[in-house]
Amino acid sequence: MPCHETKSCPRCSAAFECKVGNVTACQCDGITFNDAEKDYIARNYADCLCRKCLLEIRHEIRLKSFNEKVNQILPPLKK
């Protein structure tokens, strides 16, 4: 298996370099995910995503979770 591989992000089609041979130098190194985020990515994507999309997905899932918690505490205001 090559140390570095040019891939196309399945979410946004951006080209990026996957460094499977040196994960600590890969563009995804240092991004942490909780179990819900890992599950979402595993269910929806079969290959690596670019750093931008990984960060966007993490943000979207965390924002959705936050909003759900807020709505449990403060029911939506009805007009």
Foldseek 3Di string as FASTA:
>chain_A
DDQKDWDAAPVPRDIDIARPNCNCPGQQPPDDADPVLVVVCVVPDDDDHGNVVSVVSRVVVVVVVVVVVVCVVPPDDDD
